[in-house]
Amino acid sequence: MYISGEAAKLHQCLINVIKNGIEAMPEGGQLSVSLKKLGSEAWLSVTDSGTGMSEEQLERLGTPFYTTKDKGTGLGTMVVYSIVRAMGGEIKVKSEENKGTSFTIALPIVQNSQPKGT
């Protein structure tokens, strides 16, 4: 399964999303990463058992300088949204307060492509 885009930028997206998941669990918890093919898309999901977010917080995700953390710039998630959109993808977020968040990056699959370096 291949997607089109820069490996370094996708790597940065994963770092940001996983870091956010870990930071949402200050007392520990579970974080899982999964990849599956759904139709013509690759779905990469990061799910945590952390603090979760309210509807209002979900609506503001990806907005520059908006953060749900005490310490943070609010730019990490904005960068993720920007990179994913530039790659022709979309982001789906499901969250429930005090139960956790699932952050899914859906990217179009490229047919008959060969990897071009790392």
PDB file of N, CA and C in Angstrom:
ATOM      1  N   MET A   1       0.860  -1.161   0.000  1.00  0.00           N
ATOM      2  CA  MET A   1       0.000   0.000   0.000  1.00  0.00           C
ATOM      3  C   MET A   1       0.910   1.229   0.000  1.00  0.00           C
ATOM      4  N   TYR A   2       0.708   2.107  -0.976  1.00  0.00           N
ATOM      5  CA  TYR A   2       1.521   3.311  -1.109  1.00  0.00           C
ATOM      6  C   TYR A   2       0.637   4.550  -1.103  1.00  0.00           C
ATOM      7  N   ILE A   3       1.189   5.621  -0.523  1.00  0.00           N
ATOM      8  CA  ILE A   3       0.537   6.924  -0.581  1.00  0.00           C
ATOM      9  C   ILE A   3       1.525   7.900  -1.199  1.00  0.00           C
ATOM     10  N   SER A   4       1.024   9.008  -1.699  1.00  0.00           N
ATOM     11  CA  SER A   4       1.879  10.011  -2.310  1.00  0.00           C
ATOM     12  C   SER A   4       2.149  11.122  -1.304  1.00  0.00           C
ATOM     13  N   GLY A   5       3.410  11.467  -1.130  1.00  0.00           N
ATOM     14  CA  GLY A   5       3.755  12.548  -0.219  1.00  0.00           C
ATOM     15  C   GLY A   5       5.171  12.378   0.292  1.00  0.00           C
ATOM     16  N   GLU A   6       5.615  13.348   1.047  1.00  0.00           N
ATOM     17  CA  GLU A   6       6.962  13.325   1.603  1.00  0.00           C
ATOM     18  C   GLU A   6       6.975  12.535   2.902  1.00  0.00           C
ATOM     19  N   ALA A   7       7.861  11.550   2.964  1.00  0.00           N
ATOM     20  CA  ALA A   7       7.960  10.699   4.148  1.00  0.00           C
ATOM     21  C   ALA A   7       8.245  11.521   5.406  1.00  0.00           C
ATOM     22  N   ALA A   8       9.107  12.522   5.300  1.00  0.00           N
ATOM     23  CA  ALA A   8       9.467  13.332   6.469  1.00  0.00           C
ATOM     24  C   ALA A   8       8.258  14.088   7.015  1.00  0.00           C
ATOM     25  N   LYS A   9       7.396  14.548   6.129  1.00  0.00           N
ATOM     26  CA  LYS A   9       6.209  15.289   6.586  1.00  0.00           C
ATOM     27  C   LYS A   9       5.197  14.352   7.240  1.00  0.00           C
ATOM     28  N   LEU A  10       5.017  13.169   6.673  1.00  0.00           N
ATOM     29  CA  LEU A  10       4.120  12.195   7.295  1.00  0.00           C
ATOM     30  C   LEU A  10       4.677  11.777   8.653  1.00  0.00           C
ATOM     31  N   HIS A  11       5.987  11.617   8.725  1.00  0.00           N
ATOM     32  CA  HIS A  11       6.649  11.292   9.989  1.00  0.00           C
ATOM     33  C   HIS A  11       6.365  12.374  11.030  1.00  0.00           C
ATOM     34  N   GLN A  12       6.442  13.640  10.629  1.00  0.00           N
ATOM     35  CA  GLN A  12       6.162  14.748  11.545  1.00  0.00           C
ATOM     36  C   GLN A  12       4.717  14.691  12.036  1.00  0.00           C
ATOM     37  N   CYS A  13       3.789  14.358  11.151  1.00  0.00           N
ATOM     38  CA  CYS A  13       2.379  14.209  11.549  1.00  0.00           C
ATOM     39  C   CYS A  13       2.247  13.149  12.636  1.00  0.00           C
ATOM     40  N   LEU A  14       2.884  12.007  12.409  1.00  0.00           N
ATOM     41  CA  LEU A  14       2.792  10.917  13.382  1.00  0.00           C
ATOM     42  C   LEU A  14       3.396  11.308  14.719  1.00  0.00           C
ATOM     43  N   ILE A  15       4.535  11.967  14.691  1.00  0.00           N
ATOM     44  CA  ILE A  15       5.157  12.420  15.939  1.00  0.00           C
ATOM     45  C   ILE A  15       4.196  13.327  16.702  1.00  0.00           C
ATOM     46  N   ASN A  16       3.607  14.303  16.016  1.00  0.00           N
ATOM     47  CA  ASN A  16       2.709  15.249  16.681  1.00  0.00           C
ATOM     48  C   ASN A  16       1.484  14.555  17.266  1.00  0.00           C
ATOM     49  N   VAL A  17       0.856  13.673  16.494  1.00  0.00           N
ATOM     50  CA  VAL A  17      -0.366  13.014  16.954  1.00  0.00           C
ATOM     51  C   VAL A  17      -0.062  12.061  18.114  1.00  0.00           C
ATOM     52  N   ILE A  18       0.999  11.291  18.010  1.00  0.00           N
ATOM     53  CA  ILE A  18       1.359  10.366  19.091  1.00  0.00           C
ATOM     54  C   ILE A  18       1.752  11.132  20.347  1.00  0.00           C
ATOM     55  N   LYS A  19       2.511  12.207  20.189  1.00  0.00           N
ATOM     56  CA  LYS A  19       2.907  13.041  21.336  1.00  0.00           C
ATOM     57  C   LYS A  19       1.670  13.602  22.033  1.00  0.00           C
ATOM     58  N   ASN A  20       0.701  14.087  21.266  1.00  0.00           N
ATOM     59  CA  ASN A  20      -0.533  14.605  21.862  1.00  0.00           C
ATOM     60  C   ASN A  20      -1.260  13.515  22.638  1.00  0.00           C
ATOM     61  N   GLY A  21      -1.312  12.311  22.073  1.00  0.00           N
ATOM     62  CA  GLY A  21      -1.967  11.205  22.765  1.00  0.00           C
ATOM     63  C   GLY A  21      -1.287  10.869  24.079  1.00  0.00           C
ATOM     64  N   ILE A  22       0.033  10.827  24.064  1.00  0.00           N
ATOM     65  CA  ILE A  22       0.784  10.537  25.293  1.00  0.00           C
ATOM     66  C   ILE A  22       0.551  11.626  26.328  1.00  0.00           C
ATOM     67  N   GLU A  23       0.582  12.881  25.896  1.00  0.00           N
ATOM     68  CA  GLU A  23       0.390  13.997  26.826  1.00  0.00           C
ATOM     69  C   GLU A  23      -1.030  14.051  27.378  1.00  0.00           C
ATOM     70  N   ALA A  24      -1.986  13.432  26.702  1.00  0.00           N
ATOM     71  CA  ALA A  24      -3.372  13.399  27.185  1.00  0.00           C
ATOM     72  C   ALA A  24      -3.563  12.343  28.274  1.00  0.00           C
ATOM     73  N   MET A  25      -2.489  11.607  28.584  1.00  0.00           N
ATOM     74  CA  MET A  25      -2.562  10.552  29.596  1.00  0.00           C
ATOM     75  C   MET A  25      -1.498  10.767  30.672  1.00  0.00           C
ATOM     76  N   PRO A  26      -1.589  11.849  31.448  1.00  0.00           N
ATOM     77  CA  PRO A  26      -0.539  12.141  32.428  1.00  0.00           C
ATOM     78  C   PRO A  26      -0.393  11.062  33.505  1.00  0.00           C
ATOM     79  N   GLU A  27      -1.444  10.302  33.756  1.00  0.00           N
ATOM     80  CA  GLU A  27      -1.392   9.238  34.758  1.00  0.00           C
ATOM     81  C   GLU A  27      -1.134   7.879  34.113  1.00  0.00           C
ATOM     82  N   GLY A  28      -0.803   7.873  32.836  1.00  0.00           N
ATOM     83  CA  GLY A  28      -0.599   6.625  32.111  1.00  0.00           C
ATOM     84  C   GLY A  28      -1.879   6.218  31.403  1.00  0.00           C
ATOM     85  N   GLY A  29      -1.815   5.154  30.653  1.00  0.00           N
ATOM     86  CA  GLY A  29      -2.975   4.684  29.902  1.00  0.00           C
ATOM     87  C   GLY A  29      -2.517   3.859  28.719  1.00  0.00           C
ATOM     88  N   GLN A  30      -3.390   3.723  27.751  1.00  0.00           N
ATOM     89  CA  GLN A  30      -3.066   2.946  26.560  1.00  0.00           C
ATOM     90  C   GLN A  30      -3.088   3.832  25.326  1.00  0.00           C
ATOM     91  N   LEU A  31      -2.130   3.596  24.446  1.00  0.00           N
ATOM     92  CA  LEU A  31      -2.072   4.280  23.169  1.00  0.00           C
ATOM     93  C   LEU A  31      -1.861   3.208  22.105  1.00  0.00           C
ATOM     94  N   SER A  32      -2.697   3.228  21.084  1.00  0.00           N
ATOM     95  CA  SER A  32      -2.534   2.249  20.007  1.00  0.00           C
ATOM     96  C   SER A  32      -2.445   2.969  18.671  1.00  0.00           C
ATOM     97  N   VAL A  33      -1.701   2.359  17.766  1.00  0.00           N
ATOM     98  CA  VAL A  33      -1.549   2.879  16.409  1.00  0.00           C
ATOM     99  C   VAL A  33      -1.948   1.755  15.465  1.00  0.00           C
ATOM    100  N   SER A  34      -2.821   2.069  14.510  1.00  0.00           N
ATOM    101  CA  SER A  34      -3.242   1.045  13.552  1.00  0.00           C
ATOM    102  C   SER A  34      -3.277   1.629  12.146  1.00  0.00           C
ATOM    103  N   LEU A  35      -3.127   0.746  11.173  1.00  0.00           N
ATOM    104  CA  LEU A  35      -3.194   1.124   9.768  1.00  0.00           C
ATOM    105  C   LEU A  35      -4.081   0.118   9.067  1.00  0.00           C
ATOM    106  N   LYS A  36      -5.051   0.623   8.304  1.00  0.00           N
ATOM    107  CA  LYS A  36      -5.896  -0.281   7.523  1.00  0.00           C
ATOM    108  C   LYS A  36      -6.287   0.382   6.217  1.00  0.00           C
ATOM    109  N   LYS A  37      -6.619  -0.468   5.257  1.00  0.00           N
ATOM    110  CA  LYS A  37      -7.074   0.006   3.953  1.00  0.00           C
ATOM    111  C   LYS A  37      -8.594  -0.005   3.963  1.00  0.00           C
ATOM    112  N   LEU A  38      -9.188   1.136   3.643  1.00  0.00           N
ATOM    113  CA  LEU A  38     -10.638   1.250   3.506  1.00  0.00           C
ATOM    114  C   LEU A  38     -10.923   1.828   2.131  1.00  0.00           C
ATOM    115  N   GLY A  39     -11.369   0.984   1.228  1.00  0.00           N
ATOM    116  CA  GLY A  39     -11.611   1.422  -0.142  1.00  0.00           C
ATOM    117  C   GLY A  39     -10.320   1.875  -0.782  1.00  0.00           C
ATOM    118  N   SER A  40     -10.294   3.116  -1.234  1.00  0.00           N
ATOM    119  CA  SER A  40      -9.103   3.655  -1.896  1.00  0.00           C
ATOM    120  C   SER A  40      -8.268   4.527  -0.961  1.00  0.00           C
ATOM    121  N   GLU A  41      -8.474   4.354   0.351  1.00  0.00           N
ATOM    122  CA  GLU A  41      -7.745   5.165   1.324  1.00  0.00           C
ATOM    123  C   GLU A  41      -6.992   4.293   2.320  1.00  0.00           C
ATOM    124  N   ALA A  42      -5.883   4.846   2.803  1.00  0.00           N
ATOM    125  CA  ALA A  42      -5.148   4.270   3.926  1.00  0.00           C
ATOM    126  C   ALA A  42      -5.566   5.057   5.163  1.00  0.00           C
ATOM    127  N   TRP A  43      -6.045   4.355   6.180  1.00  0.00           N
ATOM    128  CA  TRP A  43      -6.467   5.001   7.422  1.00  0.00           C
ATOM    129  C   TRP A  43      -5.450   4.674   8.502  1.00  0.00           C
ATOM    130  N   LEU A  44      -4.785   5.705   8.994  1.00  0.00           N
ATOM    131  CA  LEU A  44      -3.816   5.580  10.066  1.00  0.00           C
ATOM    132  C   LEU A  44      -4.441   6.183  11.314  1.00  0.00           C
ATOM    133  N   SER A  45      -4.678   5.359  12.323  1.00  0.00           N
ATOM    134  CA  SER A  45      -5.366   5.822  13.530  1.00  0.00           C
ATOM    135  C   SER A  45      -4.462   5.743  14.745  1.00  0.00           C
ATOM    136  N   VAL A  46      -4.529   6.789  15.564  1.00  0.00           N
ATOM    137  CA  VAL A  46      -3.853   6.824  16.856  1.00  0.00           C
ATOM    138  C   VAL A  46      -4.949   7.027  17.892  1.00  0.00           C
ATOM    139  N   THR A  47      -5.078   6.066  18.803  1.00  0.00           N
ATOM    140  CA  THR A  47      -6.142   6.107  19.804  1.00  0.00           C
ATOM    141  C   THR A  47      -5.521   6.081  21.191  1.00  0.00           C
ATOM    142  N   ASP A  48      -5.996   6.982  22.058  1.00  0.00           N
ATOM    143  CA  ASP A  48      -5.495   7.015  23.429  1.00  0.00           C
ATOM    144  C   ASP A  48      -6.656   6.877  24.414  1.00  0.00           C
ATOM    145  N   SER A  49      -6.316   6.525  25.644  1.00  0.00           N
ATOM    146  CA  SER A  49      -7.314   6.406  26.708  1.00  0.00           C
ATOM    147  C   SER A  49      -7.210   7.596  27.658  1.00  0.00           C
ATOM    148  N   GLY A  50      -6.872   8.748  27.113  1.00  0.00           N
ATOM    149  CA  GLY A  50      -6.613   9.943  27.913  1.00  0.00           C
ATOM    150  C   GLY A  50      -7.844  10.735  28.292  1.00  0.00           C
ATOM    151  N   THR A  51      -7.639  12.031  28.460  1.00  0.00           N
ATOM    152  CA  THR A  51      -8.663  12.921  28.996  1.00  0.00           C
ATOM    153  C   THR A  51      -9.807  13.192  28.032  1.00  0.00           C
ATOM    154  N   GLY A  52      -9.601  12.974  26.754  1.00  0.00           N
ATOM    155  CA  GLY A  52     -10.651  13.248  25.773  1.00  0.00           C
ATOM    156  C   GLY A  52     -10.888  14.739  25.605  1.00  0.00           C
ATOM    157  N   MET A  53     -11.814  15.078  24.710  1.00  0.00           N
ATOM    158  CA  MET A  53     -12.116  16.482  24.422  1.00  0.00           C
ATOM    159  C   MET A  53     -13.619  16.696  24.333  1.00  0.00           C
ATOM    160  N   SER A  54     -14.024  17.925  24.617  1.00  0.00           N
ATOM    161  CA  SER A  54     -15.429  18.311  24.488  1.00  0.00           C
ATOM    162  C   SER A  54     -15.745  18.604  23.021  1.00  0.00           C
ATOM    163  N   GLU A  55     -17.025  18.740  22.709  1.00  0.00           N
ATOM    164  CA  GLU A  55     -17.436  19.098  21.341  1.00  0.00           C
ATOM    165  C   GLU A  55     -16.810  20.421  20.919  1.00  0.00           C
ATOM    166  N   GLU A  56     -16.793  21.390  21.831  1.00  0.00           N
ATOM    167  CA  GLU A  56     -16.209  22.706  21.518  1.00  0.00           C
ATOM    168  C   GLU A  56     -14.724  22.575  21.191  1.00  0.00           C
ATOM    169  N   GLN A  57     -14.014  21.771  21.968  1.00  0.00           N
ATOM    170  CA  GLN A  57     -12.593  21.570  21.704  1.00  0.00           C
ATOM    171  C   GLN A  57     -12.381  20.892  20.353  1.00  0.00           C
ATOM    172  N   LEU A  58     -13.210  19.905  20.040  1.00  0.00           N
ATOM    173  CA  LEU A  58     -13.094  19.210  18.751  1.00  0.00           C
ATOM    174  C   LEU A  58     -13.291  20.162  17.581  1.00  0.00           C
ATOM    175  N   GLU A  59     -14.258  21.068  17.708  1.00  0.00           N
ATOM    176  CA  GLU A  59     -14.542  22.020  16.630  1.00  0.00           C
ATOM    177  C   GLU A  59     -13.374  22.962  16.375  1.00  0.00           C
ATOM    178  N   ARG A  60     -12.580  23.230  17.394  1.00  0.00           N
ATOM    179  CA  ARG A  60     -11.483  24.187  17.258  1.00  0.00           C
ATOM    180  C   ARG A  60     -10.147  23.534  16.903  1.00  0.00           C
ATOM    181  N   LEU A  61     -10.101  22.211  16.879  1.00  0.00           N
ATOM    182  CA  LEU A  61      -8.852  21.521  16.543  1.00  0.00           C
ATOM    183  C   LEU A  61      -8.319  21.986  15.196  1.00  0.00           C
ATOM    184  N   GLY A  62      -7.025  22.190  15.123  1.00  0.00           N
ATOM    185  CA  GLY A  62      -6.397  22.610  13.874  1.00  0.00           C
ATOM    186  C   GLY A  62      -6.363  24.111  13.684  1.00  0.00           C
ATOM    187  N   THR A  63      -6.996  24.844  14.590  1.00  0.00           N
ATOM    188  CA  THR A  63      -6.981  26.305  14.538  1.00  0.00           C
ATOM    189  C   THR A  63      -5.635  26.794  15.080  1.00  0.00           C
ATOM    190  N   PRO A  64      -4.976  27.706  14.377  1.00  0.00           N
ATOM    191  CA  PRO A  64      -3.678  28.197  14.862  1.00  0.00           C
ATOM    192  C   PRO A  64      -3.768  28.742  16.285  1.00  0.00           C
ATOM    193  N   PHE A  65      -2.814  28.349  17.096  1.00  0.00           N
ATOM    194  CA  PHE A  65      -2.633  28.799  18.475  1.00  0.00           C
ATOM    195  C   PHE A  65      -3.714  28.311  19.435  1.00  0.00           C
ATOM    196  N   TYR A  66      -4.587  27.399  18.998  1.00  0.00           N
ATOM    197  CA  TYR A  66      -5.558  26.813  19.918  1.00  0.00           C
ATOM    198  C   TYR A  66      -4.954  25.547  20.509  1.00  0.00           C
ATOM    199  N   THR A  67      -4.954  25.446  21.826  1.00  0.00           N
ATOM    200  CA  THR A  67      -4.430  24.259  22.494  1.00  0.00           C
ATOM    201  C   THR A  67      -5.344  23.860  23.639  1.00  0.00           C
ATOM    202  N   THR A  68      -5.375  22.579  23.927  1.00  0.00           N
ATOM    203  CA  THR A  68      -6.138  22.067  25.064  1.00  0.00           C
ATOM    204  C   THR A  68      -5.209  21.825  26.250  1.00  0.00           C
ATOM    205  N   LYS A  69      -3.932  22.125  26.083  1.00  0.00           N
ATOM    206  CA  LYS A  69      -2.929  21.846  27.113  1.00  0.00           C
ATOM    207  C   LYS A  69      -2.546  23.115  27.869  1.00  0.00           C
ATOM    208  N   ASP A  70      -2.037  22.901  29.097  1.00  0.00           N
ATOM    209  CA  ASP A  70      -1.529  24.027  29.880  1.00  0.00           C
ATOM    210  C   ASP A  70      -0.281  24.613  29.229  1.00  0.00           C
ATOM    211  N   LYS A  71       0.554  23.731  28.685  1.00  0.00           N
ATOM    212  CA  LYS A  71       1.770  24.165  28.003  1.00  0.00           C
ATOM    213  C   LYS A  71       1.663  23.708  26.562  1.00  0.00           C
ATOM    214  N   GLY A  72       1.860  24.595  25.647  1.00  0.00           N
ATOM    215  CA  GLY A  72       1.791  24.241  24.232  1.00  0.00           C
ATOM    216  C   GLY A  72       1.493  25.470  23.403  1.00  0.00           C
ATOM    217  N   THR A  73       1.829  25.386  22.134  1.00  0.00           N
ATOM    218  CA  THR A  73       1.652  26.537  21.247  1.00  0.00           C
ATOM    219  C   THR A  73       0.368  26.466  20.439  1.00  0.00           C
ATOM    220  N   GLY A  74      -0.204  25.271  20.327  1.00  0.00           N
ATOM    221  CA  GLY A  74      -1.378  25.118  19.473  1.00  0.00           C
ATOM    222  C   GLY A  74      -1.017  25.039  18.002  1.00  0.00           C
ATOM    223  N   LEU A  75       0.254  24.826  17.704  1.00  0.00           N
ATOM    224  CA  LEU A  75       0.679  24.769  16.305  1.00  0.00           C
ATOM    225  C   LEU A  75       0.864  23.343  15.792  1.00  0.00           C
ATOM    226  N   GLY A  76       1.113  22.389  16.670  1.00  0.00           N
ATOM    227  CA  GLY A  76       1.363  21.015  16.246  1.00  0.00           C
ATOM    228  C   GLY A  76       0.205  20.419  15.468  1.00  0.00           C
ATOM    229  N   THR A  77      -1.000  20.536  16.004  1.00  0.00           N
ATOM    230  CA  THR A  77      -2.166  19.975  15.328  1.00  0.00           C
ATOM    231  C   THR A  77      -2.475  20.748  14.055  1.00  0.00           C
ATOM    232  N   MET A  78      -2.258  22.055  14.068  1.00  0.00           N
ATOM    233  CA  MET A  78      -2.466  22.857  12.867  1.00  0.00           C
ATOM    234  C   MET A  78      -1.541  22.380  11.748  1.00  0.00           C
ATOM    235  N   VAL A  79      -0.290  22.078  12.090  1.00  0.00           N
ATOM    236  CA  VAL A  79       0.671  21.579  11.108  1.00  0.00           C
ATOM    237  C   VAL A  79       0.201  20.236  10.552  1.00  0.00           C
ATOM    238  N   VAL A  80      -0.295  19.359  11.425  1.00  0.00           N
ATOM    239  CA  VAL A  80      -0.798  18.054  10.979  1.00  0.00           C
ATOM    240  C   VAL A  80      -1.930  18.245   9.975  1.00  0.00           C
ATOM    241  N   TYR A  81      -2.902  19.087  10.304  1.00  0.00           N
ATOM    242  CA  TYR A  81      -4.021  19.342   9.388  1.00  0.00           C
ATOM    243  C   TYR A  81      -3.514  19.867   8.045  1.00  0.00           C
ATOM    244  N   SER A  82      -2.562  20.785   8.080  1.00  0.00           N
ATOM    245  CA  SER A  82      -2.029  21.385   6.856  1.00  0.00           C
ATOM    246  C   SER A  82      -1.329  20.342   5.980  1.00  0.00           C
ATOM    247  N   ILE A  83      -0.497  19.521   6.586  1.00  0.00           N
ATOM    248  CA  ILE A  83       0.234  18.497   5.830  1.00  0.00           C
ATOM    249  C   ILE A  83      -0.732  17.484   5.227  1.00  0.00           C
ATOM    250  N   VAL A  84      -1.680  17.015   6.019  1.00  0.00           N
ATOM    251  CA  VAL A  84      -2.623  15.995   5.539  1.00  0.00           C
ATOM    252  C   VAL A  84      -3.458  16.542   4.386  1.00  0.00           C
ATOM    253  N   ARG A  85      -3.920  17.768   4.496  1.00  0.00           N
ATOM    254  CA  ARG A  85      -4.692  18.370   3.391  1.00  0.00           C
ATOM    255  C   ARG A  85      -3.843  18.491   2.129  1.00  0.00           C
ATOM    256  N   ALA A  86      -2.570  18.881   2.293  1.00  0.00           N
ATOM    257  CA  ALA A  86      -1.671  19.015   1.137  1.00  0.00           C
ATOM    258  C   ALA A  86      -1.424  17.668   0.462  1.00  0.00           C
ATOM    259  N   MET A  87      -1.568  16.580   1.215  1.00  0.00           N
ATOM    260  CA  MET A  87      -1.384  15.238   0.671  1.00  0.00           C
ATOM    261  C   MET A  87      -2.694  14.676   0.115  1.00  0.00           C
ATOM    262  N   GLY A  88      -3.733  15.515   0.082  1.00  0.00           N
ATOM    263  CA  GLY A  88      -5.020  15.085  -0.458  1.00  0.00           C
ATOM    264  C   GLY A  88      -5.845  14.262   0.508  1.00  0.00           C
ATOM    265  N   GLY A  89      -5.509  14.342   1.783  1.00  0.00           N
ATOM    266  CA  GLY A  89      -6.207  13.545   2.785  1.00  0.00           C
ATOM    267  C   GLY A  89      -7.118  14.359   3.676  1.00  0.00           C
ATOM    268  N   GLU A  90      -7.651  13.672   4.666  1.00  0.00           N
ATOM    269  CA  GLU A  90      -8.501  14.333   5.650  1.00  0.00           C
ATOM    270  C   GLU A  90      -8.264  13.711   7.015  1.00  0.00           C
ATOM    271  N   ILE A  91      -8.721  14.419   8.030  1.00  0.00           N
ATOM    272  CA  ILE A  91      -8.555  13.977   9.406  1.00  0.00           C
ATOM    273  C   ILE A  91      -9.929  13.775  10.016  1.00  0.00           C
ATOM    274  N   LYS A  92     -10.070  12.661  10.722  1.00  0.00           N
ATOM    275  CA  LYS A  92     -11.311  12.347  11.425  1.00  0.00           C
ATOM    276  C   LYS A  92     -10.950  12.178  12.898  1.00  0.00           C
ATOM    277  N   VAL A  93     -11.656  12.892  13.762  1.00  0.00           N
ATOM    278  CA  VAL A  93     -11.370  12.809  15.194  1.00  0.00           C
ATOM    279  C   VAL A  93     -12.645  12.447  15.939  1.00  0.00           C
ATOM    280  N   LYS A  94     -12.533  11.432  16.775  1.00  0.00           N
ATOM    281  CA  LYS A  94     -13.621  11.054  17.678  1.00  0.00           C
ATOM    282  C   LYS A  94     -13.067  11.153  19.079  1.00  0.00           C
ATOM    283  N   SER A  95     -13.842  11.755  19.980  1.00  0.00           N
ATOM    284  CA  SER A  95     -13.357  11.917  21.338  1.00  0.00           C
ATOM    285  C   SER A  95     -14.523  11.959  22.309  1.00  0.00           C
ATOM    286  N   GLU A  96     -14.259  11.458  23.492  1.00  0.00           N
ATOM    287  CA  GLU A  96     -15.237  11.527  24.569  1.00  0.00           C
ATOM    288  C   GLU A  96     -14.483  11.917  25.835  1.00  0.00           C
ATOM    289  N   GLU A  97     -14.993  12.930  26.516  1.00  0.00           N
ATOM    290  CA  GLU A  97     -14.313  13.414  27.711  1.00  0.00           C
ATOM    291  C   GLU A  97     -14.130  12.280  28.719  1.00  0.00           C
ATOM    292  N   ASN A  98     -12.940  12.233  29.294  1.00  0.00           N
ATOM    293  CA  ASN A  98     -12.542  11.241  30.294  1.00  0.00           C
ATOM    294  C   ASN A  98     -12.489   9.807  29.768  1.00  0.00           C
ATOM    295  N   LYS A  99     -12.580   9.629  28.451  1.00  0.00           N
ATOM    296  CA  LYS A  99     -12.514   8.280  27.882  1.00  0.00           C
ATOM    297  C   LYS A  99     -11.457   8.153  26.796  1.00  0.00           C
ATOM    298  N   GLY A 100     -11.053   9.259  26.189  1.00  0.00           N
ATOM    299  CA  GLY A 100      -9.999   9.191  25.191  1.00  0.00           C
ATOM    300  C   GLY A 100     -10.374   9.750  23.839  1.00  0.00           C
ATOM    301  N   THR A 101      -9.412   9.663  22.938  1.00  0.00           N
ATOM    302  CA  THR A 101      -9.543  10.252  21.607  1.00  0.00           C
ATOM    303  C   THR A 101      -8.975   9.301  20.563  1.00  0.00           C
ATOM    304  N   SER A 102      -9.618   9.280  19.413  1.00  0.00           N
ATOM    305  CA  SER A 102      -9.119   8.543  18.256  1.00  0.00           C
ATOM    306  C   SER A 102      -8.918   9.549  17.130  1.00  0.00           C
ATOM    307  N   PHE A 103      -7.705   9.652  16.656  1.00  0.00           N
ATOM    308  CA  PHE A 103      -7.297  10.614  15.639  1.00  0.00           C
ATOM    309  C   PHE A 103      -6.919   9.812  14.405  1.00  0.00           C
ATOM    310  N   THR A 104      -7.704   9.936  13.333  1.00  0.00           N
ATOM    311  CA  THR A 104      -7.473   9.140  12.129  1.00  0.00           C
ATOM    312  C   THR A 104      -7.080  10.030  10.961  1.00  0.00           C
ATOM    313  N   ILE A 105      -5.984   9.675  10.323  1.00  0.00           N
ATOM    314  CA  ILE A 105      -5.517  10.350   9.116  1.00  0.00           C
ATOM    315  C   ILE A 105      -5.876   9.445   7.941  1.00  0.00           C
ATOM    316  N   ALA A 106      -6.726   9.936   7.047  1.00  0.00           N
ATOM    317  CA  ALA A 106      -7.138   9.177   5.863  1.00  0.00           C
ATOM    318  C   ALA A 106      -6.445   9.777   4.644  1.00  0.00           C
ATOM    319  N   LEU A 107      -5.657   8.949   3.951  1.00  0.00           N
ATOM    320  CA  LEU A 107      -4.898   9.412   2.786  1.00  0.00           C
ATOM    321  C   LEU A 107      -5.209   8.540   1.578  1.00  0.00           C
ATOM    322  N   PRO A 108      -5.283   9.159   0.392  1.00  0.00           N
ATOM    323  CA  PRO A 108      -5.551   8.364  -0.812  1.00  0.00           C
ATOM    324  C   PRO A 108      -4.389   7.424  -1.130  1.00  0.00           C
ATOM    325  N   ILE A 109      -4.751   6.221  -1.520  1.00  0.00           N
ATOM    326  CA  ILE A 109      -3.754   5.224  -1.911  1.00  0.00           C
ATOM    327  C   ILE A 109      -3.399   5.439  -3.375  1.00  0.00           C
ATOM    328  N   VAL A 110      -2.105   5.344  -3.675  1.00  0.00           N
ATOM    329  CA  VAL A 110      -1.607   5.471  -5.040  1.00  0.00           C
ATOM    330  C   VAL A 110      -1.376   4.060  -5.573  1.00  0.00           C
ATOM    331  N   GLN A 111      -1.933   3.772  -6.733  1.00  0.00           N
ATOM    332  CA  GLN A 111      -1.788   2.443  -7.334  1.00  0.00           C
ATOM    333  C   GLN A 111      -0.481   2.330  -8.109  1.00  0.00           C
ATOM    334  N   ASN A 112       0.065   1.136  -8.125  1.00  0.00           N
ATOM    335  CA  ASN A 112       1.258   0.815  -8.922  1.00  0.00           C
ATOM    336  C   ASN A 112       2.400   1.801  -8.711  1.00  0.00           C
ATOM    337  N   SER A 113       2.671   2.130  -7.487  1.00  0.00           N
ATOM    338  CA  SER A 113       3.743   3.073  -7.189  1.00  0.00           C
ATOM    339  C   SER A 113       4.875   2.344  -6.483  1.00  0.00           C
ATOM    340  N   GLN A 114       6.057   2.818  -6.678  1.00  0.00           N
ATOM    341  CA  GLN A 114       7.223   2.269  -6.005  1.00  0.00           C
ATOM    342  C   GLN A 114       7.737   3.314  -5.026  1.00  0.00           C
ATOM    343  N   PRO A 115       8.219   2.884  -3.865  1.00  0.00           N
ATOM    344  CA  PRO A 115       8.753   3.852  -2.906  1.00  0.00           C
ATOM    345  C   PRO A 115       9.952   4.595  -3.481  1.00  0.00           C
ATOM    346  N   LYS A 116      10.034   5.884  -3.151  1.00  0.00           N
ATOM    347  CA  LYS A 116      11.123   6.730  -3.653  1.00  0.00           C
ATOM    348  C   LYS A 116      11.976   7.203  -2.486  1.00  0.00           C
ATOM    349  N   GLY A 117      12.688   6.312  -1.860  1.00  0.00           N
ATOM    350  CA  GLY A 117      13.550   6.686  -0.751  1.00  0.00           C
ATOM    351  C   GLY A 117      12.777   6.849   0.531  1.00  0.00           C
ATOM    352  N   THR A 118      13.494   7.231   1.577  1.00  0.00           N
ATOM    353  CA  THR A 118      12.865   7.389   2.885  1.00  0.00           C
ATOM    354  C   THR A 118      12.956   8.794   3.363  1.00  0.00           C
TER     355      THR A 118
END
